[in-house]
C-alpha cells in the first residue's frame, strides 16, 4: 500500500473510482495490505442492499442486471455490479464473456461494474466477491448486484451474501426445472421467468408453482414468480417492485434474522479456515517438502490424513486439537 491507510479509506469513502478499483484488485490478489484496509472499511458499510442474480447459463442474467441497474439509477441510487465470470485457464483472470452487453452503463458515473474470476471456486462466486462488495458499500454504493457465473445447481453461495436472491429460469429448460429442487431451488427469494416472450412460458410457471407447493420454504413467505423479457425491459419494473417489497418485509422477519446470523457464522468460520490454511501454507509448505509428501502418498508409504495432521502439529495448530 503506497499511501497511508487513512488516505486509502478517505479516498474510497469519497467514491474515488480508481481507489475502489485498486482496493478490489488488492483483495483479489490477496495483497497483505488488503486485510487492514477491509477492517477499516467494514465500519463504513451496513446500509447497502445486495441483490444476488443467479441461474443457468444463457438465462439472460447480464441483460437483466443491466436493465435492473438502469431502473435503480432512475431513483438516483448508486449501483455497484460484481459480475462473476469463468476463469481463463491461461491467465487465471476473468473471461469477460457477455459483460460487453452492459455498454449502456459504461459511462455512468453512478454505476460501477467489476468482473471477477471464479478462480476454480465452486458455488458460483469468486472468492473475493464478499470483500469486493464491502469495498463498494464503503464507497457509497446503495445497491450492489452480484451476478453469478451460471453453473447450475451448485450455485448456492450467493444466498449467503445477498439480502435477496433472484433465480432465473427460461422457457425450454424442460426437465431441468426439476433439478433446481435439489440445489438452487431452495435459495430463491424470487423467481424470474426470463425470455417470457418465448413459447413454453406458461408451462415453466406451472412447473415452478407445482414445485413450490411441495418444496419446504425457509419461513412462511412463498417466493414470487415474475415474468420478464430482459432484452426489451418488459417486466423489469414489476421485478423491482417485488425485490423492494421483499427487502422491506424481510427487515424484521425472524427467519431472515436467523438466516443472517447463520450466514455470518458460516462466513466467520470460512474466514478462520482460510486464515489457518494460509498460516500453515506459509510456515510448512515448500516445493521440496510438498514433492516429498506427494511421492510418499503415491507410493502408499504415507497417507494424506496423517500428513495434514503432521503439518498442523508442526505449525502449532494441531497441538490444540482435542
Protein backbone atom coordinates (compact mmCIF):
# COMPACT_ATOMS: atom_id res chain seq x y z
CA UNK A 1 0.00 0.00 0.00
CA UNK A 2 1.85 3.05 -1.29
CA UNK A 3 -0.18 5.62 0.66
CA UNK A 4 -1.23 5.60 4.33
CA UNK A 5 -4.24 3.51 5.31
CA UNK A 6 -6.19 6.60 6.38
CA UNK A 7 -5.83 8.11 2.91
CA UNK A 8 -7.00 4.89 1.28
CA UNK A 9 -10.10 4.85 3.48
CA UNK A 10 -10.74 8.52 2.78
CA UNK A 11 -10.45 8.10 -0.98
CA UNK A 12 -12.71 5.04 -1.07
CA UNK A 13 -15.27 6.64 1.25
CA UNK A 14 -15.35 9.63 -1.12
CA UNK A 15 -16.17 7.29 -4.01
CA UNK A 16 -12.83 7.62 -5.80
CA UNK A 17 -13.28 5.04 -8.59
CA UNK A 18 -9.56 4.48 -9.08
CA UNK A 19 -9.07 3.81 -5.37
CA UNK A 20 -12.07 1.45 -5.40
CA UNK A 21 -10.63 -0.48 -8.37
CA UNK A 22 -7.20 -0.70 -6.78
CA UNK A 23 -8.67 -1.90 -3.48
CA UNK A 24 -10.66 -4.66 -5.17
CA UNK A 25 -7.57 -5.72 -7.13
CA UNK A 26 -5.63 -5.92 -3.86
CA UNK A 27 -8.35 -8.11 -2.39
CA UNK A 28 -8.37 -10.39 -5.43
CA UNK A 29 -4.63 -10.99 -5.36
CA UNK A 30 -4.65 -11.41 -1.58
CA UNK A 31 -2.31 -8.49 -1.00
CA UNK A 32 -1.33 -8.49 2.71
CA UNK A 33 -2.27 -4.81 2.99
CA UNK A 34 -5.86 -5.56 1.98
CA UNK A 35 -6.68 -7.06 5.40
CA UNK A 36 -6.21 -3.86 7.46
CA UNK A 37 -7.95 -1.90 4.69
CA UNK A 38 -11.01 -4.18 4.82
CA UNK A 39 -11.05 -3.95 8.60
CA UNK A 40 -11.15 -0.15 8.38
CA UNK A 41 -13.79 -0.14 5.63
CA UNK A 42 -16.05 -2.56 7.47
CA UNK A 43 -17.26 0.17 9.79
CA UNK A 44 -18.22 2.34 6.80
CA UNK A 45 -20.80 -0.12 5.50
CA UNK A 46 -24.04 -1.67 6.63
CA UNK A 47 -26.64 0.24 4.62
CA UNK A 48 -26.32 -1.18 1.11
CA UNK A 49 -28.66 -3.84 -0.22
CA UNK A 50 -27.06 -6.78 -2.00
CA UNK A 51 -29.13 -8.42 -4.73
CA UNK A 52 -27.98 -11.82 -5.99
CA UNK A 53 -28.84 -12.84 -9.55
CA UNK A 54 -28.28 -16.49 -10.40
CA UNK A 55 -29.46 -19.12 -12.84
CA UNK A 56 -28.31 -21.38 -15.62
CA UNK A 57 -26.02 -20.20 -18.42
CA UNK A 58 -27.97 -18.48 -21.17
CA UNK A 59 -30.81 -17.39 -18.90
CA UNK A 60 -30.09 -13.72 -19.61
CA UNK A 61 -28.58 -12.73 -16.27
CA UNK A 62 -26.30 -10.00 -17.61
CA UNK A 63 -29.02 -8.39 -19.70
CA UNK A 64 -31.43 -8.43 -16.76
CA UNK A 65 -28.83 -6.98 -14.38
CA UNK A 66 -28.21 -4.15 -16.84
CA UNK A 67 -31.93 -3.35 -17.07
CA UNK A 68 -32.35 -3.55 -13.27
CA UNK A 69 -29.37 -1.24 -12.74
CA UNK A 70 -30.83 1.30 -15.16
CA UNK A 71 -34.15 1.19 -13.29
CA UNK A 72 -32.46 1.69 -9.90
CA UNK A 73 -30.41 4.55 -11.31
CA UNK A 74 -33.64 6.38 -12.16
CA UNK A 75 -34.17 6.78 -8.42
CA UNK A 76 -30.63 8.17 -8.14
CA UNK A 77 -29.35 5.17 -6.26
CA UNK A 78 -25.67 4.40 -6.83
CA UNK A 79 -25.30 0.91 -8.23
CA UNK A 80 -22.38 -1.49 -8.00
CA UNK A 81 -22.25 -4.63 -10.13
CA UNK A 82 -19.97 -7.57 -9.37
CA UNK A 83 -20.18 -9.96 -12.31
CA UNK A 84 -18.60 -13.36 -11.74
CA UNK A 85 -17.14 -14.81 -14.92
CA UNK A 86 -15.43 -18.09 -15.79
CA UNK A 87 -11.70 -18.22 -15.15
CA UNK A 88 -9.27 -18.20 -18.04
CA UNK A 89 -7.26 -21.45 -17.98
CA UNK A 90 -4.23 -19.45 -19.20
CA UNK A 91 -4.12 -16.22 -17.22
CA UNK A 92 -6.35 -17.12 -14.26
CA UNK A 93 -8.31 -13.91 -14.88
CA UNK A 94 -11.94 -13.40 -15.78
CA UNK A 95 -13.21 -14.30 -19.24
CA UNK A 96 -15.40 -11.24 -19.64
CA UNK A 97 -18.00 -13.03 -21.76
CA UNK A 98 -21.20 -11.05 -22.11
CA UNK A 99 -20.03 -8.15 -19.96
CA UNK A 100 -19.97 -6.22 -23.23
CA UNK A 101 -23.78 -6.18 -23.03
CA UNK A 102 -23.65 -3.62 -20.22
CA UNK A 103 -22.40 -0.85 -22.50
CA UNK A 104 -25.39 1.34 -21.60
CA UNK A 105 -23.90 1.70 -18.11
CA UNK A 106 -20.24 2.02 -19.06
CA UNK A 107 -20.11 5.82 -18.92
CA UNK A 108 -22.49 6.27 -15.99
CA UNK A 109 -20.59 7.73 -13.01
CA UNK A 110 -23.23 6.38 -10.65
CA UNK A 111 -22.59 2.78 -11.72
CA UNK A 112 -19.51 0.69 -11.09
CA UNK A 113 -19.04 -2.64 -12.91
CA UNK A 114 -16.41 -5.16 -11.94
CA UNK A 115 -15.82 -8.60 -13.47
CA UNK A 116 -14.21 -11.16 -11.20
CA UNK A 117 -12.92 -14.64 -11.96
CA UNK A 118 -14.13 -17.69 -10.04
CA UNK A 119 -10.51 -18.97 -9.88
CA UNK A 120 -11.85 -22.50 -9.55
CA UNK A 121 -14.20 -21.67 -6.69
CA UNK A 122 -17.38 -23.74 -6.64
CA UNK A 123 -20.72 -22.22 -5.73
CA UNK A 124 -20.90 -19.63 -8.49
CA UNK A 125 -18.96 -16.86 -6.69
CA UNK A 126 -15.43 -15.55 -6.82
CA UNK A 127 -13.55 -16.00 -3.52
CA UNK A 128 -13.18 -12.20 -3.10
CA UNK A 129 -16.79 -11.31 -4.02
CA UNK A 130 -17.85 -10.57 -0.44
CA UNK A 131 -14.86 -8.33 0.19
CA UNK A 132 -15.41 -6.54 -3.13
CA UNK A 133 -19.00 -5.87 -2.07
CA UNK A 134 -17.68 -4.44 1.20
CA UNK A 135 -15.42 -2.04 -0.72
CA UNK A 136 -18.31 -0.89 -2.92
CA UNK A 137 -20.55 -0.42 0.10
CA UNK A 138 -17.92 1.68 1.84
CA UNK A 139 -17.63 3.74 -1.36
CA UNK A 140 -21.27 4.73 -1.06
CA UNK A 141 -22.99 2.35 -3.47
CA UNK A 142 -26.57 1.85 -2.27
CA UNK A 143 -27.46 -1.21 -4.32
CA UNK A 144 -25.00 -3.96 -5.21
CA UNK A 145 -25.79 -6.66 -7.74
CA UNK A 146 -23.91 -9.95 -7.61
CA UNK A 147 -24.27 -11.87 -10.86
CA UNK A 148 -23.05 -15.44 -10.51
CA UNK A 149 -21.12 -17.33 -13.14
CA UNK A 150 -24.01 -19.55 -14.19
CA UNK A 151 -23.01 -23.10 -13.37
CA UNK A 152 -26.32 -24.68 -12.39
CA UNK A 153 -27.40 -26.17 -9.11
CA UNK A 154 -24.04 -25.76 -7.35
CA UNK A 155 -24.59 -22.01 -7.45
CA UNK A 156 -25.81 -21.51 -3.89
CA UNK A 157 -23.10 -19.43 -2.21
CA UNK A 158 -24.74 -16.22 -3.40
CA UNK A 159 -27.55 -16.75 -0.87
CA UNK A 160 -25.01 -16.38 1.95
CA UNK A 161 -24.02 -12.96 0.66
CA UNK A 162 -27.20 -11.45 -0.80
CA UNK A 163 -30.08 -9.81 1.03
CA UNK A 164 -32.36 -11.14 -1.70
CA UNK A 165 -31.61 -13.93 -4.16
CA UNK A 166 -33.26 -13.88 -7.59
CA UNK A 167 -33.19 -17.14 -9.57
CA UNK A 168 -33.69 -17.00 -13.33
CA UNK A 169 -35.28 -19.76 -15.40
CA UNK A 170 -36.22 -19.66 -19.06
CA UNK A 171 -38.71 -21.49 -21.28
CA UNK A 172 -37.32 -24.53 -23.00
CA UNK A 173 -35.48 -25.91 -19.96
CA UNK A 174 -37.88 -28.83 -19.75
CA UNK A 175 -36.94 -31.30 -17.03
CA UNK A 176 -34.04 -29.05 -16.00
CA UNK A 177 -36.50 -27.11 -13.84
CA UNK A 178 -36.86 -30.24 -11.75
CA UNK A 179 -33.13 -30.27 -10.97
CA UNK A 180 -33.43 -26.89 -9.25
CA UNK A 181 -35.26 -28.61 -6.42
CA UNK A 182 -32.00 -30.26 -5.41
CA UNK A 183 -29.91 -27.10 -5.42
CA UNK A 184 -30.73 -23.58 -6.50
CA UNK A 185 -34.46 -24.04 -5.86
CA UNK A 186 -34.15 -23.67 -2.10
CA UNK A 187 -32.15 -20.44 -2.14
CA UNK A 188 -34.62 -18.43 -4.24
CA UNK A 189 -36.36 -15.50 -2.64
CA UNK A 190 -37.81 -14.59 -6.04
CA UNK A 191 -38.12 -16.49 -9.29
CA UNK A 192 -37.88 -14.80 -12.67
CA UNK A 193 -39.06 -16.46 -15.84
CA UNK A 194 -36.94 -14.56 -18.33
CA UNK A 195 -37.44 -14.59 -22.10
CA UNK A 196 -41.14 -14.71 -21.30
CA UNK A 197 -41.99 -13.81 -24.90
CA UNK A 198 -40.98 -17.31 -25.96
CA UNK A 199 -43.26 -20.36 -26.17
CA UNK A 200 -43.40 -22.52 -23.05
CA UNK A 201 -43.51 -19.68 -20.50
CA UNK A 202 -46.83 -20.79 -19.02
CA UNK A 203 -45.53 -24.36 -18.70
CA UNK A 204 -42.44 -23.17 -16.80
CA UNK A 205 -44.64 -21.10 -14.49
CA UNK A 206 -46.86 -24.11 -13.88
CA UNK A 207 -43.86 -26.32 -13.06
CA UNK A 208 -42.46 -23.75 -10.65
CA UNK A 209 -45.79 -23.40 -8.89
CA UNK A 210 -46.05 -27.18 -8.58
CA UNK A 211 -42.56 -27.41 -7.09
CA UNK A 212 -43.17 -24.50 -4.72
CA UNK A 213 -46.34 -26.15 -3.46
CA UNK A 214 -44.38 -29.16 -2.18
CA UNK A 215 -40.89 -27.73 -1.53
CA UNK A 216 -40.09 -26.69 2.06
CA UNK A 217 -39.52 -22.95 2.34
CA UNK A 218 -37.49 -21.06 4.92
CA UNK A 219 -40.08 -19.03 6.83
CA UNK A 220 -43.68 -18.54 5.75
CA UNK A 221 -43.16 -16.44 2.63
CA UNK A 222 -43.50 -18.24 -0.67
CA UNK A 223 -41.22 -16.89 -3.42
CA UNK A 224 -42.98 -14.73 -6.00
CA UNK A 225 -42.72 -15.50 -9.71
CA UNK A 226 -42.14 -12.60 -12.10
CA UNK A 227 -42.10 -12.81 -15.90
CA UNK A 228 -39.59 -10.64 -17.76
CA UNK A 229 -38.14 -10.15 -21.21
CA UNK A 230 -34.84 -8.52 -20.35
CA UNK A 231 -33.94 -7.63 -23.94
CA UNK A 232 -36.94 -5.29 -24.17
CA UNK A 233 -37.21 -4.39 -20.49
CA UNK A 234 -40.68 -5.91 -20.17
CA UNK A 235 -41.45 -6.92 -16.59
CA UNK A 236 -38.33 -5.28 -15.13
CA UNK A 237 -40.32 -2.58 -13.30
CA UNK A 238 -42.52 -5.28 -11.77
CA UNK A 239 -39.43 -7.19 -10.68
CA UNK A 240 -38.01 -4.09 -8.98
CA UNK A 241 -41.28 -3.71 -7.08
CA UNK A 242 -41.10 -7.34 -5.92
CA UNK A 243 -37.44 -7.02 -4.90
CA UNK A 244 -38.15 -3.89 -2.87
CA UNK A 245 -41.24 -5.45 -1.35
CA UNK A 246 -39.23 -8.49 -0.27
CA UNK A 247 -36.46 -6.36 1.23
CA UNK A 248 -38.98 -4.27 3.16
CA UNK A 249 -40.77 -7.30 4.57
CA UNK A 250 -37.53 -9.09 5.39
CA UNK A 251 -36.15 -6.34 7.63
CA UNK A 252 -37.93 -7.56 10.75
CA UNK A 253 -38.56 -11.16 9.71
CA UNK A 254 -37.33 -13.57 12.36
CA UNK A 255 -36.42 -16.14 9.71
CA UNK A 256 -34.32 -13.57 7.85
CA UNK A 257 -32.59 -12.50 11.06
CA UNK A 258 -31.81 -16.15 11.78
CA UNK A 259 -30.51 -16.56 8.24
CA UNK A 260 -28.23 -13.55 8.57
CA UNK A 261 -26.88 -14.89 11.85
CA UNK A 262 -26.25 -18.30 10.29
CA UNK A 263 -24.61 -16.80 7.20
CA UNK A 264 -22.38 -14.59 9.35
CA UNK A 265 -21.37 -17.59 11.43
CA UNK A 266 -20.52 -19.57 8.30
CA UNK A 267 -18.53 -16.66 6.87
CA UNK A 268 -16.58 -16.25 10.11
CA UNK A 269 -15.72 -19.95 10.10
CA UNK A 270 -14.71 -19.79 6.44
CA UNK A 271 -12.50 -16.78 7.11
CA UNK A 272 -10.91 -18.61 10.04
CA UNK A 273 -10.40 -21.72 7.89
CA UNK A 274 -8.79 -19.64 5.14
CA UNK A 275 -6.52 -17.82 7.57
CA UNK A 276 -5.41 -21.06 9.21
CA UNK A 277 -4.67 -22.57 5.84
CA UNK A 278 -2.58 -19.58 4.80
CA UNK A 279 -0.67 -19.74 8.08
CA UNK A 280 0.13 -23.42 7.67
CA UNK A 281 0.94 -22.98 3.98
CA UNK A 282 3.34 -20.13 4.70
CA UNK A 283 5.13 -21.95 7.53
CA UNK A 284 5.13 -25.55 6.34
CA UNK A 285 4.83 -25.80 2.58
CA UNK A 286 7.77 -25.53 0.22
CA UNK A 287 8.16 -27.21 -3.15
CA UNK A 288 10.69 -29.80 -1.94
CA UNK A 289 8.63 -30.84 1.07
CA UNK A 290 5.42 -30.91 -0.96
CA UNK A 291 7.09 -33.09 -3.59
CA UNK A 292 8.24 -35.49 -0.87
CA UNK A 293 4.71 -35.68 0.53
CA UNK A 294 3.25 -36.31 -2.93
CA UNK A 295 5.72 -39.11 -3.65
CA UNK A 296 5.05 -40.69 -0.25
CA UNK A 297 1.33 -40.71 -0.94
CA UNK A 298 1.70 -42.07 -4.47
CA UNK A 299 3.95 -44.87 -3.21
CA UNK A 300 1.50 -45.60 -0.38
CA UNK A 301 4.21 -45.06 2.22
CA UNK A 302 2.16 -42.28 3.84
CA UNK A 303 -1.50 -41.38 3.90
CA UNK A 304 -2.66 -37.80 3.23
CA UNK A 305 -4.57 -37.56 6.51
CA UNK A 306 -1.57 -38.16 8.77
CA UNK A 307 0.49 -35.78 6.61
CA UNK A 308 -2.04 -33.00 7.15
CA UNK A 309 -2.05 -33.73 10.90
CA UNK A 310 1.74 -33.60 10.88
CA UNK A 311 1.74 -30.23 9.16
CA UNK A 312 -0.84 -28.83 11.58
CA UNK A 313 1.13 -30.12 14.56
CA UNK A 314 4.34 -28.58 13.22
CA UNK A 315 2.59 -25.23 12.87
CA UNK A 316 1.28 -25.35 16.42
CA UNK A 317 -2.35 -25.60 15.33
CA UNK A 318 -2.67 -29.35 15.83
CA UNK A 319 -1.46 -29.19 19.43
CA UNK A 320 -4.73 -27.52 20.44
CA UNK A 321 -6.96 -30.11 18.82
CA UNK A 322 -8.82 -32.32 21.25
